[in-house]
Amino acid sequence: MYNRIMRYSIIRDIIIISVSIIIAIFIVKTDFINWVLFTYRLPPFLLALLAGIFYASIFTAPLSIAAIIALAQDGFLISTVIFGGIGAALGDLLIFKFLKLGIAKNIVIFLKQKKVFHIQQKRILRIFPICAGLFIIASPLPDEIGIFFLGTSKIKEGYFVILAYFLNAVGIYLVGLSVL
């Protein structure tokens, strides 16, 4: 039973990511972002904010990257970095709160019960989840993994938001810069 559920979950996730990639290719090839900008007269910063929110999840990252590329090609790189970074930090904060309140909290309780937490008394092992989480958020790897590491650490929410903004803004800048 468990294997069937796990297989279904993996297949579902692969389909969602594949559809997201196909839609992202469509967005880039058809100049869809320009059409939306001019048809609905949406300000580019609003699209950048939405693209940033979608930048935070593995399932929607291809769509977000396509929008970031289109906005950068249209000359909105700086506003995309600023507002996309805000959106990505908001998306990461939602994931962080979910993990902090749910999964991460349960894992910490489990580790304390199994007396694994005494290993974390060494400073290097307390810093590892924070460093690993920050590295993963800054890299093209899914933010969810990095946020999980930060969720198991004792990082304060305010610091997390600032770090998430900075790291995501750098990532968005590099994506936008790659097409100029």
N, C-alpha and C. Protein backbone atom coordinates (compact mmCIF):
# COMPACT_ATOMS: atom_id res chain seq x y z
N MET A 1 0.82 -1.19 0.00
CA MET A 1 0.00 0.00 0.00
C MET A 1 0.87 1.26 0.00
N TYR A 2 1.88 1.27 0.88
CA TYR A 2 2.76 2.44 0.98
C TYR A 2 3.50 2.66 -0.34
N ASN A 3 3.99 1.58 -0.96
CA ASN A 3 4.71 1.70 -2.23
C ASN A 3 3.82 2.27 -3.32
N ARG A 4 2.56 1.89 -3.34
CA ARG A 4 1.63 2.39 -4.35
C ARG A 4 1.40 3.89 -4.16
N ILE A 5 1.23 4.31 -2.92
CA ILE A 5 1.03 5.74 -2.63
C ILE A 5 2.29 6.52 -2.99
N MET A 6 3.45 5.98 -2.64
CA MET A 6 4.71 6.65 -2.94
C MET A 6 4.91 6.77 -4.45
N ARG A 7 4.63 5.70 -5.18
CA ARG A 7 4.76 5.71 -6.63
C ARG A 7 3.81 6.73 -7.24
N TYR A 8 2.58 6.78 -6.75
CA TYR A 8 1.60 7.75 -7.24
C TYR A 8 2.09 9.18 -6.99
N SER A 9 2.64 9.43 -5.81
CA SER A 9 3.14 10.76 -5.48
C SER A 9 4.28 11.18 -6.39
N ILE A 10 5.19 10.25 -6.65
CA ILE A 10 6.33 10.56 -7.52
C ILE A 10 5.85 10.83 -8.94
N ILE A 11 4.96 10.00 -9.45
CA ILE A 11 4.43 10.21 -10.81
C ILE A 11 3.69 11.54 -10.90
N ARG A 12 2.88 11.85 -9.90
CA ARG A 12 2.15 13.12 -9.88
C ARG A 12 3.12 14.30 -9.89
N ASP A 13 4.17 14.23 -9.08
CA ASP A 13 5.14 15.32 -9.02
C ASP A 13 5.88 15.48 -10.34
N ILE A 14 6.25 14.38 -10.96
CA ILE A 14 6.94 14.44 -12.26
C ILE A 14 6.03 15.07 -13.32
N ILE A 15 4.76 14.71 -13.31
CA ILE A 15 3.81 15.29 -14.27
C ILE A 15 3.66 16.79 -14.03
N ILE A 16 3.54 17.21 -12.78
CA ILE A 16 3.39 18.64 -12.47
C ILE A 16 4.62 19.41 -12.93
N ILE A 17 5.80 18.90 -12.64
CA ILE A 17 7.03 19.59 -13.04
C ILE A 17 7.15 19.61 -14.56
N SER A 18 6.80 18.51 -15.23
CA SER A 18 6.86 18.46 -16.70
C SER A 18 5.92 19.47 -17.34
N VAL A 19 4.69 19.54 -16.84
CA VAL A 19 3.73 20.52 -17.37
C VAL A 19 4.23 21.93 -17.12
N SER A 20 4.83 22.16 -15.97
CA SER A 20 5.38 23.48 -15.66
C SER A 20 6.49 23.85 -16.64
N ILE A 21 7.35 22.90 -16.98
CA ILE A 21 8.43 23.15 -17.93
C ILE A 21 7.87 23.42 -19.32
N ILE A 22 6.86 22.66 -19.74
CA ILE A 22 6.23 22.87 -21.05
C ILE A 22 5.60 24.26 -21.13
N ILE A 23 4.90 24.67 -20.09
CA ILE A 23 4.30 26.01 -20.07
C ILE A 23 5.39 27.08 -20.07
N ALA A 24 6.48 26.84 -19.37
CA ALA A 24 7.59 27.80 -19.35
C ALA A 24 8.19 27.97 -20.74
N ILE A 25 8.36 26.87 -21.45
CA ILE A 25 8.88 26.94 -22.83
C ILE A 25 7.91 27.74 -23.70
N PHE A 26 6.62 27.49 -23.53
CA PHE A 26 5.60 28.25 -24.28
C PHE A 26 5.71 29.74 -23.98
N ILE A 27 5.87 30.08 -22.71
CA ILE A 27 5.97 31.49 -22.31
C ILE A 27 7.17 32.16 -22.99
N VAL A 28 8.30 31.47 -23.01
CA VAL A 28 9.51 32.06 -23.59
C VAL A 28 9.40 32.15 -25.11
N LYS A 29 8.89 31.10 -25.75
CA LYS A 29 8.84 31.06 -27.22
C LYS A 29 7.78 31.98 -27.82
N THR A 30 6.69 32.24 -27.10
CA THR A 30 5.59 33.01 -27.69
C THR A 30 5.52 34.46 -27.23
N ASP A 31 6.45 34.90 -26.42
CA ASP A 31 6.43 36.28 -25.94
C ASP A 31 5.16 36.57 -25.15
N PHE A 32 4.71 35.60 -24.38
CA PHE A 32 3.47 35.68 -23.62
C PHE A 32 3.49 36.80 -22.58
N ILE A 33 4.64 37.01 -21.94
CA ILE A 33 4.74 38.04 -20.90
C ILE A 33 4.47 39.42 -21.49
N ASN A 34 5.03 39.71 -22.66
CA ASN A 34 4.76 41.01 -23.30
C ASN A 34 3.28 41.16 -23.61
N TRP A 35 2.67 40.09 -24.07
CA TRP A 35 1.24 40.13 -24.38
C TRP A 35 0.43 40.47 -23.12
N VAL A 36 0.77 39.83 -22.01
CA VAL A 36 0.07 40.10 -20.74
C VAL A 36 0.32 41.54 -20.29
N LEU A 37 1.57 41.99 -20.39
CA LEU A 37 1.90 43.36 -19.98
C LEU A 37 1.09 44.40 -20.75
N PHE A 38 1.01 44.22 -22.06
CA PHE A 38 0.35 45.24 -22.88
C PHE A 38 -1.15 45.05 -22.97
N THR A 39 -1.64 43.83 -22.92
CA THR A 39 -3.08 43.61 -22.99
C THR A 39 -3.77 44.04 -21.71
N TYR A 40 -3.23 43.64 -20.59
CA TYR A 40 -3.87 43.93 -19.30
C TYR A 40 -3.28 45.15 -18.60
N ARG A 41 -2.27 45.74 -19.23
CA ARG A 41 -1.60 46.93 -18.69
C ARG A 41 -1.14 46.74 -17.24
N LEU A 42 -0.60 45.57 -17.00
CA LEU A 42 -0.06 45.28 -15.67
C LEU A 42 1.32 45.90 -15.54
N PRO A 43 1.61 46.50 -14.41
CA PRO A 43 2.97 47.03 -14.23
C PRO A 43 3.97 45.87 -14.11
N PRO A 44 5.15 46.03 -14.69
CA PRO A 44 6.15 44.95 -14.65
C PRO A 44 6.51 44.52 -13.23
N PHE A 45 6.48 45.46 -12.27
CA PHE A 45 6.85 45.09 -10.91
C PHE A 45 5.87 44.07 -10.31
N LEU A 46 4.59 44.15 -10.73
CA LEU A 46 3.60 43.19 -10.23
C LEU A 46 3.88 41.79 -10.77
N LEU A 47 4.21 41.72 -12.06
CA LEU A 47 4.58 40.42 -12.63
C LEU A 47 5.86 39.89 -11.98
N ALA A 48 6.80 40.79 -11.69
CA ALA A 48 8.04 40.37 -11.03
C ALA A 48 7.75 39.83 -9.63
N LEU A 49 6.84 40.47 -8.92
CA LEU A 49 6.46 40.00 -7.58
C LEU A 49 5.84 38.60 -7.66
N LEU A 50 4.94 38.40 -8.61
CA LEU A 50 4.32 37.08 -8.79
C LEU A 50 5.36 36.04 -9.21
N ALA A 51 6.25 36.43 -10.12
CA ALA A 51 7.30 35.51 -10.56
C ALA A 51 8.18 35.12 -9.37
N GLY A 52 8.45 36.07 -8.49
CA GLY A 52 9.25 35.78 -7.30
C GLY A 52 8.57 34.80 -6.37
N ILE A 53 7.27 34.97 -6.18
CA ILE A 53 6.53 34.03 -5.33
C ILE A 53 6.62 32.62 -5.90
N PHE A 54 6.48 32.51 -7.21
CA PHE A 54 6.56 31.19 -7.85
C PHE A 54 7.99 30.66 -7.92
N TYR A 55 8.98 31.52 -7.75
CA TYR A 55 10.39 31.13 -7.79
C TYR A 55 10.76 30.25 -6.60
N ALA A 56 9.95 30.28 -5.56
CA ALA A 56 10.28 29.59 -4.31
C ALA A 56 10.01 28.09 -4.34
N SER A 57 9.22 27.60 -5.28
CA SER A 57 8.84 26.19 -5.27
C SER A 57 9.35 25.46 -6.50
N ILE A 58 9.74 24.23 -6.32
CA ILE A 58 10.23 23.42 -7.44
C ILE A 58 9.15 23.22 -8.50
N PHE A 59 7.90 23.21 -8.08
CA PHE A 59 6.82 22.95 -9.02
C PHE A 59 6.53 24.14 -9.93
N THR A 60 6.81 25.33 -9.47
CA THR A 60 6.50 26.53 -10.25
C THR A 60 7.74 27.31 -10.69
N ALA A 61 8.92 26.84 -10.32
CA ALA A 61 10.15 27.55 -10.67
C ALA A 61 10.35 27.71 -12.17
N PRO A 62 10.06 26.70 -13.00
CA PRO A 62 10.24 26.92 -14.45
C PRO A 62 9.37 28.06 -14.99
N LEU A 63 8.14 28.17 -14.51
CA LEU A 63 7.27 29.27 -14.93
C LEU A 63 7.87 30.61 -14.49
N SER A 64 8.34 30.64 -13.28
CA SER A 64 8.93 31.86 -12.74
C SER A 64 10.17 32.27 -13.51
N ILE A 65 11.02 31.32 -13.80
CA ILE A 65 12.25 31.62 -14.54
C ILE A 65 11.92 32.14 -15.93
N ALA A 66 10.90 31.56 -16.57
CA ALA A 66 10.48 32.05 -17.89
C ALA A 66 10.02 33.50 -17.79
N ALA A 67 9.26 33.83 -16.77
CA ALA A 67 8.79 35.21 -16.59
C ALA A 67 9.95 36.14 -16.29
N ILE A 68 10.89 35.70 -15.47
CA ILE A 68 12.06 36.52 -15.13
C ILE A 68 12.89 36.80 -16.39
N ILE A 69 13.08 35.78 -17.21
CA ILE A 69 13.83 35.95 -18.46
C ILE A 69 13.13 36.96 -19.37
N ALA A 70 11.81 36.81 -19.52
CA ALA A 70 11.06 37.72 -20.39
C ALA A 70 11.13 39.16 -19.87
N LEU A 71 10.98 39.34 -18.57
CA LEU A 71 11.05 40.69 -18.00
C LEU A 71 12.45 41.28 -18.15
N ALA A 72 13.47 40.46 -17.96
CA ALA A 72 14.85 40.95 -18.11
C ALA A 72 15.13 41.35 -19.56
N GLN A 73 14.63 40.56 -20.51
CA GLN A 73 14.84 40.88 -21.92
C GLN A 73 14.12 42.17 -22.32
N ASP A 74 13.05 42.49 -21.63
CA ASP A 74 12.31 43.72 -21.92
C ASP A 74 12.89 44.94 -21.19
N GLY A 75 13.99 44.75 -20.47
CA GLY A 75 14.65 45.87 -19.83
C GLY A 75 14.23 46.14 -18.40
N PHE A 76 13.58 45.19 -17.77
CA PHE A 76 13.10 45.38 -16.40
C PHE A 76 13.91 44.56 -15.39
N LEU A 77 15.20 44.38 -15.63
CA LEU A 77 16.00 43.50 -14.78
C LEU A 77 16.06 44.00 -13.33
N ILE A 78 16.35 45.27 -13.12
CA ILE A 78 16.51 45.77 -11.75
C ILE A 78 15.20 45.68 -10.97
N SER A 79 14.09 46.10 -11.57
CA SER A 79 12.81 46.01 -10.86
C SER A 79 12.42 44.56 -10.64
N THR A 80 12.80 43.69 -11.58
CA THR A 80 12.51 42.26 -11.41
C THR A 80 13.31 41.69 -10.24
N VAL A 81 14.56 42.11 -10.11
CA VAL A 81 15.39 41.64 -8.99
C VAL A 81 14.80 42.12 -7.66
N ILE A 82 14.43 43.40 -7.60
CA ILE A 82 13.92 43.95 -6.34
C ILE A 82 12.58 43.30 -5.95
N PHE A 83 11.61 43.35 -6.87
CA PHE A 83 10.28 42.85 -6.53
C PHE A 83 10.20 41.32 -6.60
N GLY A 84 10.98 40.72 -7.49
CA GLY A 84 11.04 39.26 -7.53
C GLY A 84 11.66 38.70 -6.26
N GLY A 85 12.68 39.40 -5.73
CA GLY A 85 13.28 39.00 -4.46
C GLY A 85 12.29 39.08 -3.31
N ILE A 86 11.47 40.14 -3.32
CA ILE A 86 10.43 40.27 -2.28
C ILE A 86 9.44 39.11 -2.39
N GLY A 87 8.99 38.83 -3.61
CA GLY A 87 8.04 37.73 -3.82
C GLY A 87 8.63 36.39 -3.41
N ALA A 88 9.89 36.15 -3.79
CA ALA A 88 10.53 34.89 -3.43
C ALA A 88 10.70 34.76 -1.92
N ALA A 89 11.04 35.87 -1.26
CA ALA A 89 11.16 35.83 0.20
C ALA A 89 9.81 35.53 0.85
N LEU A 90 8.73 36.10 0.29
CA LEU A 90 7.39 35.80 0.81
C LEU A 90 7.04 34.32 0.60
N GLY A 91 7.34 33.80 -0.59
CA GLY A 91 7.09 32.38 -0.86
C GLY A 91 7.89 31.48 0.06
N ASP A 92 9.17 31.83 0.25
CA ASP A 92 10.01 31.05 1.16
C ASP A 92 9.50 31.15 2.60
N LEU A 93 9.01 32.33 2.99
CA LEU A 93 8.49 32.49 4.35
C LEU A 93 7.27 31.60 4.58
N LEU A 94 6.40 31.50 3.59
CA LEU A 94 5.24 30.60 3.72
C LEU A 94 5.69 29.16 3.92
N ILE A 95 6.66 28.73 3.12
CA ILE A 95 7.18 27.37 3.25
C ILE A 95 7.87 27.20 4.61
N PHE A 96 8.64 28.21 5.03
CA PHE A 96 9.35 28.17 6.31
C PHE A 96 8.38 28.02 7.46
N LYS A 97 7.31 28.81 7.45
CA LYS A 97 6.31 28.73 8.53
C LYS A 97 5.65 27.36 8.55
N PHE A 98 5.33 26.84 7.38
CA PHE A 98 4.71 25.52 7.30
C PHE A 98 5.65 24.46 7.88
N LEU A 99 6.92 24.51 7.48
CA LEU A 99 7.87 23.53 7.98
C LEU A 99 8.16 23.72 9.46
N LYS A 100 8.30 24.96 9.88
CA LYS A 100 8.62 25.25 11.29
C LYS A 100 7.51 24.77 12.21
N LEU A 101 6.27 24.96 11.78
CA LEU A 101 5.15 24.57 12.62
C LEU A 101 4.83 23.08 12.52
N GLY A 102 5.19 22.46 11.42
CA GLY A 102 4.79 21.08 11.21
C GLY A 102 5.94 20.10 11.21
N ILE A 103 6.48 19.86 10.04
CA ILE A 103 7.45 18.79 9.84
C ILE A 103 8.71 18.99 10.67
N ALA A 104 9.31 20.17 10.60
CA ALA A 104 10.57 20.40 11.30
C ALA A 104 10.41 20.23 12.81
N LYS A 105 9.29 20.71 13.34
CA LYS A 105 9.04 20.59 14.78
C LYS A 105 8.97 19.12 15.18
N ASN A 106 8.29 18.30 14.39
CA ASN A 106 8.18 16.87 14.69
C ASN A 106 9.53 16.17 14.60
N ILE A 107 10.36 16.57 13.64
CA ILE A 107 11.69 15.95 13.52
C ILE A 107 12.55 16.30 14.72
N VAL A 108 12.51 17.54 15.16
CA VAL A 108 13.28 17.94 16.34
C VAL A 108 12.83 17.15 17.56
N ILE A 109 11.54 16.99 17.75
CA ILE A 109 11.02 16.19 18.87
C ILE A 109 11.50 14.75 18.78
N PHE A 110 11.46 14.18 17.57
CA PHE A 110 11.91 12.80 17.36
C PHE A 110 13.40 12.67 17.70
N LEU A 111 14.21 13.61 17.22
CA LEU A 111 15.65 13.53 17.48
C LEU A 111 15.96 13.69 18.96
N LYS A 112 15.21 14.52 19.66
CA LYS A 112 15.43 14.67 21.10
C LYS A 112 15.09 13.37 21.83
N GLN A 113 14.03 12.71 21.39
CA GLN A 113 13.64 11.45 22.02
C GLN A 113 14.68 10.37 21.78
N LYS A 114 15.30 10.38 20.62
CA LYS A 114 16.29 9.37 20.29
C LYS A 114 17.69 9.74 20.78
N LYS A 115 17.78 10.83 21.51
CA LYS A 115 19.04 11.31 22.10
C LYS A 115 20.11 11.57 21.03
N VAL A 116 19.66 11.97 19.86
CA VAL A 116 20.59 12.33 18.79
C VAL A 116 21.03 13.78 18.95
N PHE A 117 20.24 14.56 19.66
CA PHE A 117 20.50 15.99 19.75
C PHE A 117 21.75 16.33 20.55
N HIS A 118 22.26 15.41 21.35
CA HIS A 118 23.47 15.73 22.10
C HIS A 118 24.66 15.95 21.17
N ILE A 119 24.58 15.43 19.95
CA ILE A 119 25.64 15.66 18.97
C ILE A 119 25.70 17.13 18.59
N GLN A 120 24.56 17.81 18.61
CA GLN A 120 24.52 19.20 18.19
C GLN A 120 25.14 20.15 19.20
N GLN A 121 25.67 19.65 20.28
CA GLN A 121 26.30 20.54 21.25
C GLN A 121 27.56 21.17 20.67
N LYS A 122 28.20 20.50 19.72
CA LYS A 122 29.38 21.07 19.08
C LYS A 122 28.93 22.19 18.16
N ARG A 123 29.63 23.30 18.22
CA ARG A 123 29.25 24.50 17.47
C ARG A 123 29.16 24.24 15.97
N ILE A 124 30.10 23.52 15.43
CA ILE A 124 30.11 23.28 13.98
C ILE A 124 28.85 22.54 13.54
N LEU A 125 28.36 21.64 14.38
CA LEU A 125 27.17 20.89 14.01
C LEU A 125 25.89 21.70 14.19
N ARG A 126 25.94 22.75 15.01
CA ARG A 126 24.78 23.64 15.13
C ARG A 126 24.69 24.58 13.94
N ILE A 127 25.85 24.95 13.40
CA ILE A 127 25.89 25.90 12.28
C ILE A 127 25.62 25.20 10.95
N PHE A 128 25.89 23.90 10.86
CA PHE A 128 25.75 23.18 9.59
C PHE A 128 24.37 23.33 8.95
N PRO A 129 23.26 23.12 9.68
CA PRO A 129 21.96 23.25 9.00
C PRO A 129 21.73 24.65 8.43
N ILE A 130 22.22 25.67 9.12
CA ILE A 130 22.05 27.04 8.63
C ILE A 130 22.86 27.24 7.35
N CYS A 131 24.13 26.84 7.38
CA CYS A 131 24.98 27.01 6.19
C CYS A 131 24.46 26.19 5.02
N ALA A 132 24.07 24.95 5.27
CA ALA A 132 23.53 24.12 4.20
C ALA A 132 22.26 24.73 3.63
N GLY A 133 21.39 25.21 4.50
CA GLY A 133 20.14 25.82 4.03
C GLY A 133 20.38 27.06 3.19
N LEU A 134 21.30 27.92 3.63
CA LEU A 134 21.60 29.13 2.88
C LEU A 134 22.21 28.80 1.52
N PHE A 135 23.11 27.83 1.50
CA PHE A 135 23.73 27.43 0.23
C PHE A 135 22.69 26.90 -0.74
N ILE A 136 21.78 26.08 -0.25
CA ILE A 136 20.76 25.49 -1.12
C ILE A 136 19.80 26.55 -1.63
N ILE A 137 19.42 27.51 -0.80
CA ILE A 137 18.52 28.58 -1.25
C ILE A 137 19.20 29.41 -2.34
N ALA A 138 20.50 29.65 -2.20
CA ALA A 138 21.22 30.45 -3.19
C ALA A 138 21.47 29.68 -4.48
N SER A 139 21.43 28.36 -4.43
CA SER A 139 21.72 27.54 -5.61
C SER A 139 20.43 27.26 -6.39
N PRO A 140 20.57 26.64 -7.57
CA PRO A 140 19.37 26.28 -8.33
C PRO A 140 18.58 25.10 -7.75
N LEU A 141 19.06 24.51 -6.68
CA LEU A 141 18.34 23.40 -6.06
C LEU A 141 17.02 23.91 -5.49
N PRO A 142 16.05 23.02 -5.30
CA PRO A 142 14.75 23.45 -4.77
C PRO A 142 14.89 24.11 -3.39
N ASP A 143 14.25 25.27 -3.23
CA ASP A 143 14.32 26.01 -1.96
C ASP A 143 13.76 25.21 -0.80
N GLU A 144 12.84 24.30 -1.08
CA GLU A 144 12.20 23.55 -0.01
C GLU A 144 13.22 22.80 0.84
N ILE A 145 14.27 22.27 0.21
CA ILE A 145 15.29 21.52 0.94
C ILE A 145 16.07 22.46 1.86
N GLY A 146 16.48 23.60 1.33
CA GLY A 146 17.20 24.58 2.14
C GLY A 146 16.36 25.13 3.27
N ILE A 147 15.09 25.37 2.98
CA ILE A 147 14.19 25.88 4.02
C ILE A 147 13.98 24.83 5.10
N PHE A 148 13.97 23.56 4.71
CA PHE A 148 13.87 22.48 5.70
C PHE A 148 15.04 22.54 6.67
N PHE A 149 16.26 22.70 6.13
CA PHE A 149 17.43 22.79 7.00
C PHE A 149 17.32 23.99 7.94
N LEU A 150 16.91 25.13 7.40
CA LEU A 150 16.77 26.32 8.24
C LEU A 150 15.63 26.16 9.24
N GLY A 151 14.60 25.42 8.86
CA GLY A 151 13.48 25.19 9.77
C GLY A 151 13.86 24.34 10.96
N THR A 152 14.84 23.45 10.79
CA THR A 152 15.28 22.63 11.91
C THR A 152 16.27 23.37 12.80
N SER A 153 16.82 24.47 12.30
CA SER A 153 17.73 25.27 13.12
C SER A 153 16.90 26.26 13.94
N LYS A 154 17.58 27.06 14.72
CA LYS A 154 16.87 28.03 15.57
C LYS A 154 16.97 29.44 15.00
N ILE A 155 17.05 29.55 13.69
CA ILE A 155 17.16 30.87 13.06
C ILE A 155 15.86 31.63 13.26
N LYS A 156 15.98 32.91 13.55
CA LYS A 156 14.80 33.74 13.77
C LYS A 156 14.16 34.10 12.44
N GLU A 157 12.86 34.27 12.49
CA GLU A 157 12.09 34.54 11.28
C GLU A 157 12.56 35.79 10.55
N GLY A 158 12.88 36.83 11.28
CA GLY A 158 13.34 38.08 10.67
C GLY A 158 14.64 37.90 9.91
N TYR A 159 15.60 37.18 10.51
CA TYR A 159 16.86 36.90 9.83
C TYR A 159 16.61 36.04 8.60
N PHE A 160 15.71 35.08 8.73
CA PHE A 160 15.41 34.21 7.60
C PHE A 160 14.89 35.01 6.41
N VAL A 161 13.97 35.93 6.67
CA VAL A 161 13.38 36.73 5.58
C VAL A 161 14.45 37.57 4.89
N ILE A 162 15.32 38.19 5.67
CA ILE A 162 16.39 39.02 5.10
C ILE A 162 17.33 38.16 4.25
N LEU A 163 17.74 37.02 4.79
CA LEU A 163 18.63 36.13 4.04
C LEU A 163 17.94 35.58 2.80
N ALA A 164 16.68 35.19 2.92
CA ALA A 164 15.95 34.65 1.78
C ALA A 164 15.82 35.71 0.69
N TYR A 165 15.54 36.95 1.08
CA TYR A 165 15.44 38.03 0.09
C TYR A 165 16.76 38.20 -0.65
N PHE A 166 17.83 38.34 0.11
CA PHE A 166 19.14 38.58 -0.50
C PHE A 166 19.54 37.44 -1.43
N LEU A 167 19.44 36.21 -0.95
CA LEU A 167 19.87 35.06 -1.75
C LEU A 167 19.00 34.88 -2.99
N ASN A 168 17.69 35.03 -2.85
CA ASN A 168 16.81 34.91 -4.01
C ASN A 168 17.01 36.05 -4.99
N ALA A 169 17.25 37.27 -4.49
CA ALA A 169 17.50 38.40 -5.39
C ALA A 169 18.77 38.17 -6.20
N VAL A 170 19.80 37.62 -5.57
CA VAL A 170 21.03 37.30 -6.30
C VAL A 170 20.74 36.23 -7.36
N GLY A 171 19.98 35.20 -7.00
CA GLY A 171 19.63 34.16 -7.97
C GLY A 171 18.82 34.71 -9.13
N ILE A 172 17.86 35.57 -8.85
CA ILE A 172 17.03 36.17 -9.90
C ILE A 172 17.89 37.07 -10.79
N TYR A 173 18.81 37.81 -10.19
CA TYR A 173 19.71 38.66 -10.97
C TYR A 173 20.55 37.82 -11.92
N LEU A 174 21.09 36.72 -11.43
CA LEU A 174 21.92 35.86 -12.28
C LEU A 174 21.11 35.24 -13.41
N VAL A 175 19.86 34.85 -13.12
CA VAL A 175 18.99 34.31 -14.19
C VAL A 175 18.73 35.39 -15.23
N GLY A 176 18.38 36.59 -14.79
CA GLY A 176 18.12 37.68 -15.72
C GLY A 176 19.35 38.10 -16.49
N LEU A 177 20.48 38.13 -15.82
CA LEU A 177 21.73 38.52 -16.46
C LEU A 177 22.17 37.50 -17.51
N SER A 178 21.81 36.25 -17.32
CA SER A 178 22.25 35.20 -18.25
C SER A 178 21.66 35.36 -19.65
N VAL A 179 20.58 36.12 -19.79
CA VAL A 179 19.96 36.28 -21.11
C VAL A 179 20.24 37.64 -21.74
N LEU A 180 20.95 38.49 -21.06
CA LEU A 180 21.25 39.82 -21.61
C LEU A 180 22.51 39.80 -22.43
